[in-house]
């Protein structure tokens, strides 16, 4: 019988954010992940997917902040 883990458990095991794992499940990058209601169940034998790192991109929040608010010095 296959043992499953939850997204928070996988996040601790793989040392990444739960959001990144949720997105990977939704994009079918984690083999054997199953949607159960509003949750995802991930097989304990599943391999960690490759998460892209874009170091040049600014966070969207920072860009929105820069555009909306101008400091007058």
N, C-alpha and C. Protein backbone atom coordinates (compact mmCIF):
# COMPACT_ATOMS: atom_id res chain seq x y z
N UNK A 1 0.84 -1.18 0.00
CA UNK A 1 0.00 0.00 0.00
C UNK A 1 0.89 1.26 0.00
N UNK A 2 0.51 2.23 -0.80
CA UNK A 2 1.30 3.44 -0.94
C UNK A 2 1.05 4.37 0.24
N UNK A 3 2.12 4.89 0.83
CA UNK A 3 2.01 5.86 1.91
C UNK A 3 2.09 7.26 1.30
N UNK A 4 1.27 8.18 1.81
CA UNK A 4 1.22 9.53 1.29
C UNK A 4 1.65 10.53 2.35
N UNK A 5 2.10 11.70 1.88
CA UNK A 5 2.41 12.81 2.77
C UNK A 5 1.65 14.04 2.28
N UNK A 6 1.47 15.00 3.17
CA UNK A 6 0.77 16.23 2.83
C UNK A 6 1.76 17.26 2.29
N UNK A 7 1.25 18.36 1.81
CA UNK A 7 2.10 19.41 1.27
C UNK A 7 3.02 20.00 2.35
N UNK A 8 2.54 20.31 3.56
CA UNK A 8 3.47 20.81 4.58
C UNK A 8 4.58 19.82 4.93
N UNK A 9 4.26 18.53 4.96
CA UNK A 9 5.28 17.51 5.24
C UNK A 9 6.32 17.47 4.11
N UNK A 10 5.85 17.56 2.86
CA UNK A 10 6.77 17.55 1.72
C UNK A 10 7.64 18.81 1.72
N UNK A 11 7.07 19.94 2.13
CA UNK A 11 7.83 21.19 2.18
C UNK A 11 8.99 21.09 3.17
N UNK A 12 8.76 20.47 4.31
CA UNK A 12 9.82 20.29 5.29
C UNK A 12 10.86 19.30 4.76
N UNK A 13 10.41 18.21 4.17
CA UNK A 13 11.31 17.19 3.67
C UNK A 13 12.19 17.71 2.53
N UNK A 14 11.59 18.47 1.61
CA UNK A 14 12.31 18.96 0.43
C UNK A 14 12.90 20.35 0.64
N UNK A 15 12.69 20.94 1.78
CA UNK A 15 13.23 22.25 2.13
C UNK A 15 12.84 23.32 1.10
N UNK A 16 11.55 23.44 0.85
CA UNK A 16 11.02 24.46 -0.06
C UNK A 16 9.68 24.94 0.49
N UNK A 17 9.07 25.87 -0.18
CA UNK A 17 7.81 26.43 0.33
C UNK A 17 6.63 25.55 -0.06
N UNK A 18 5.60 25.55 0.77
CA UNK A 18 4.38 24.81 0.43
C UNK A 18 3.75 25.31 -0.87
N UNK A 19 3.85 26.61 -1.13
CA UNK A 19 3.28 27.17 -2.35
C UNK A 19 3.94 26.59 -3.59
N UNK A 20 5.25 26.45 -3.57
CA UNK A 20 5.96 25.88 -4.72
C UNK A 20 5.52 24.44 -4.96
N UNK A 21 5.29 23.71 -3.90
CA UNK A 21 4.85 22.31 -4.04
C UNK A 21 3.41 22.26 -4.56
N UNK A 22 2.56 23.15 -4.06
CA UNK A 22 1.17 23.21 -4.54
C UNK A 22 1.13 23.49 -6.03
N UNK A 23 1.92 24.43 -6.49
CA UNK A 23 1.97 24.76 -7.92
C UNK A 23 2.49 23.56 -8.72
N UNK A 24 3.51 22.89 -8.21
CA UNK A 24 4.05 21.71 -8.90
C UNK A 24 3.01 20.60 -9.00
N UNK A 25 2.22 20.43 -7.97
CA UNK A 25 1.15 19.42 -8.02
C UNK A 25 0.12 19.80 -9.07
N UNK A 26 -0.26 21.07 -9.09
CA UNK A 26 -1.28 21.52 -10.05
C UNK A 26 -0.78 21.41 -11.48
N UNK A 27 0.52 21.55 -11.69
CA UNK A 27 1.10 21.45 -13.03
C UNK A 27 1.55 20.02 -13.36
N UNK A 28 1.22 19.07 -12.52
CA UNK A 28 1.52 17.64 -12.71
C UNK A 28 3.02 17.37 -12.82
N UNK A 29 3.82 18.09 -12.05
CA UNK A 29 5.26 17.88 -12.05
C UNK A 29 5.69 16.86 -11.01
N UNK A 30 4.79 16.53 -10.08
CA UNK A 30 5.09 15.53 -9.05
C UNK A 30 4.30 14.27 -9.40
N UNK A 31 5.03 13.23 -9.76
CA UNK A 31 4.39 11.99 -10.18
C UNK A 31 3.63 11.31 -9.05
N UNK A 32 2.39 10.94 -9.31
CA UNK A 32 1.58 10.22 -8.34
C UNK A 32 0.83 11.10 -7.37
N UNK A 33 0.97 12.43 -7.47
CA UNK A 33 0.23 13.32 -6.58
C UNK A 33 -1.26 13.25 -6.90
N UNK A 34 -2.07 13.19 -5.84
CA UNK A 34 -3.51 13.00 -6.00
C UNK A 34 -4.24 14.13 -5.29
N UNK A 35 -5.22 14.69 -5.95
CA UNK A 35 -6.06 15.72 -5.33
C UNK A 35 -7.11 15.02 -4.49
N UNK A 36 -7.22 15.42 -3.22
CA UNK A 36 -8.20 14.82 -2.31
C UNK A 36 -8.97 15.97 -1.69
N UNK A 37 -10.12 16.31 -2.28
CA UNK A 37 -10.87 17.47 -1.83
C UNK A 37 -10.11 18.73 -2.19
N UNK A 38 -9.75 19.52 -1.18
CA UNK A 38 -8.96 20.73 -1.41
C UNK A 38 -7.48 20.51 -1.15
N UNK A 39 -7.11 19.32 -0.80
CA UNK A 39 -5.72 19.01 -0.44
C UNK A 39 -5.07 18.13 -1.50
N UNK A 40 -3.75 18.09 -1.45
CA UNK A 40 -2.98 17.20 -2.30
C UNK A 40 -2.33 16.15 -1.43
N UNK A 41 -2.30 14.93 -1.92
CA UNK A 41 -1.57 13.84 -1.29
C UNK A 41 -0.44 13.43 -2.21
N UNK A 42 0.76 13.41 -1.66
CA UNK A 42 1.96 13.13 -2.43
C UNK A 42 2.57 11.82 -1.96
N UNK A 43 2.87 10.89 -2.86
CA UNK A 43 3.49 9.63 -2.44
C UNK A 43 4.83 9.90 -1.75
N UNK A 44 5.11 9.15 -0.71
CA UNK A 44 6.37 9.32 0.01
C UNK A 44 7.58 8.98 -0.85
N UNK A 45 7.36 8.21 -1.90
CA UNK A 45 8.47 7.82 -2.80
C UNK A 45 8.66 8.81 -3.94
N UNK A 46 7.85 9.87 -4.00
CA UNK A 46 7.94 10.85 -5.09
C UNK A 46 9.27 11.59 -5.04
N UNK A 47 9.79 11.92 -6.22
CA UNK A 47 11.04 12.66 -6.32
C UNK A 47 10.74 14.15 -6.26
N UNK A 48 11.67 14.90 -5.68
CA UNK A 48 11.54 16.35 -5.60
C UNK A 48 11.64 16.93 -7.01
N UNK A 49 10.67 17.77 -7.41
CA UNK A 49 10.76 18.38 -8.74
C UNK A 49 11.81 19.49 -8.74
N UNK A 50 12.25 19.85 -9.93
CA UNK A 50 13.20 20.95 -10.07
C UNK A 50 12.42 22.26 -10.02
N UNK A 51 12.81 23.13 -9.10
CA UNK A 51 12.16 24.42 -8.98
C UNK A 51 13.05 25.46 -9.66
N UNK A 52 12.50 26.21 -10.64
CA UNK A 52 13.33 27.21 -11.34
C UNK A 52 13.68 28.37 -10.41
N UNK A 53 14.88 28.90 -10.56
CA UNK A 53 15.33 30.04 -9.78
C UNK A 53 15.63 31.17 -10.75
N UNK A 54 14.93 32.27 -10.57
CA UNK A 54 15.15 33.44 -11.41
C UNK A 54 15.66 34.55 -10.50
N UNK A 55 16.96 34.68 -10.41
CA UNK A 55 17.55 35.66 -9.49
C UNK A 55 17.47 37.09 -10.02
N UNK A 56 17.25 37.27 -11.33
CA UNK A 56 17.20 38.61 -11.90
C UNK A 56 15.84 39.28 -11.75
N UNK A 57 14.80 38.50 -11.54
CA UNK A 57 13.46 39.07 -11.46
C UNK A 57 13.23 39.73 -10.11
N UNK A 58 12.60 40.89 -10.14
CA UNK A 58 12.23 41.56 -8.91
C UNK A 58 10.89 40.99 -8.45
N UNK A 59 10.64 40.95 -7.15
CA UNK A 59 9.33 40.50 -6.68
C UNK A 59 8.23 41.45 -7.16
N UNK A 60 7.09 40.91 -7.48
CA UNK A 60 5.97 41.72 -7.99
C UNK A 60 5.54 42.77 -6.97
N UNK A 61 5.63 42.44 -5.70
CA UNK A 61 5.22 43.38 -4.66
C UNK A 61 6.12 44.61 -4.68
N UNK A 62 7.41 44.40 -4.84
CA UNK A 62 8.34 45.53 -4.86
C UNK A 62 8.08 46.41 -6.07
N UNK A 63 7.83 45.83 -7.22
CA UNK A 63 7.56 46.64 -8.41
C UNK A 63 6.28 47.43 -8.25
N UNK A 64 5.24 46.80 -7.70
CA UNK A 64 3.98 47.51 -7.48
C UNK A 64 4.19 48.64 -6.48
N UNK A 65 4.99 48.40 -5.47
CA UNK A 65 5.26 49.42 -4.46
C UNK A 65 5.99 50.60 -5.09
N UNK A 66 6.98 50.34 -5.92
CA UNK A 66 7.76 51.40 -6.56
C UNK A 66 6.88 52.25 -7.47
N UNK A 67 5.93 51.63 -8.16
CA UNK A 67 5.10 52.36 -9.10
C UNK A 67 4.04 53.21 -8.40
N UNK A 68 3.48 52.69 -7.31
CA UNK A 68 2.35 53.37 -6.67
C UNK A 68 2.79 54.50 -5.76
N UNK A 69 3.91 54.36 -5.10
CA UNK A 69 4.30 55.31 -4.07
C UNK A 69 5.62 55.97 -4.44
N UNK A 70 5.64 57.26 -4.43
CA UNK A 70 6.85 58.00 -4.67
C UNK A 70 7.17 58.79 -3.39
N UNK A 71 8.37 58.68 -2.91
CA UNK A 71 8.79 59.41 -1.74
C UNK A 71 9.27 60.80 -2.16
N UNK A 72 8.80 61.78 -1.46
CA UNK A 72 9.25 63.15 -1.70
C UNK A 72 10.20 63.50 -0.57
N UNK A 73 11.45 63.76 -0.92
CA UNK A 73 12.46 63.94 0.10
C UNK A 73 12.85 65.34 0.40
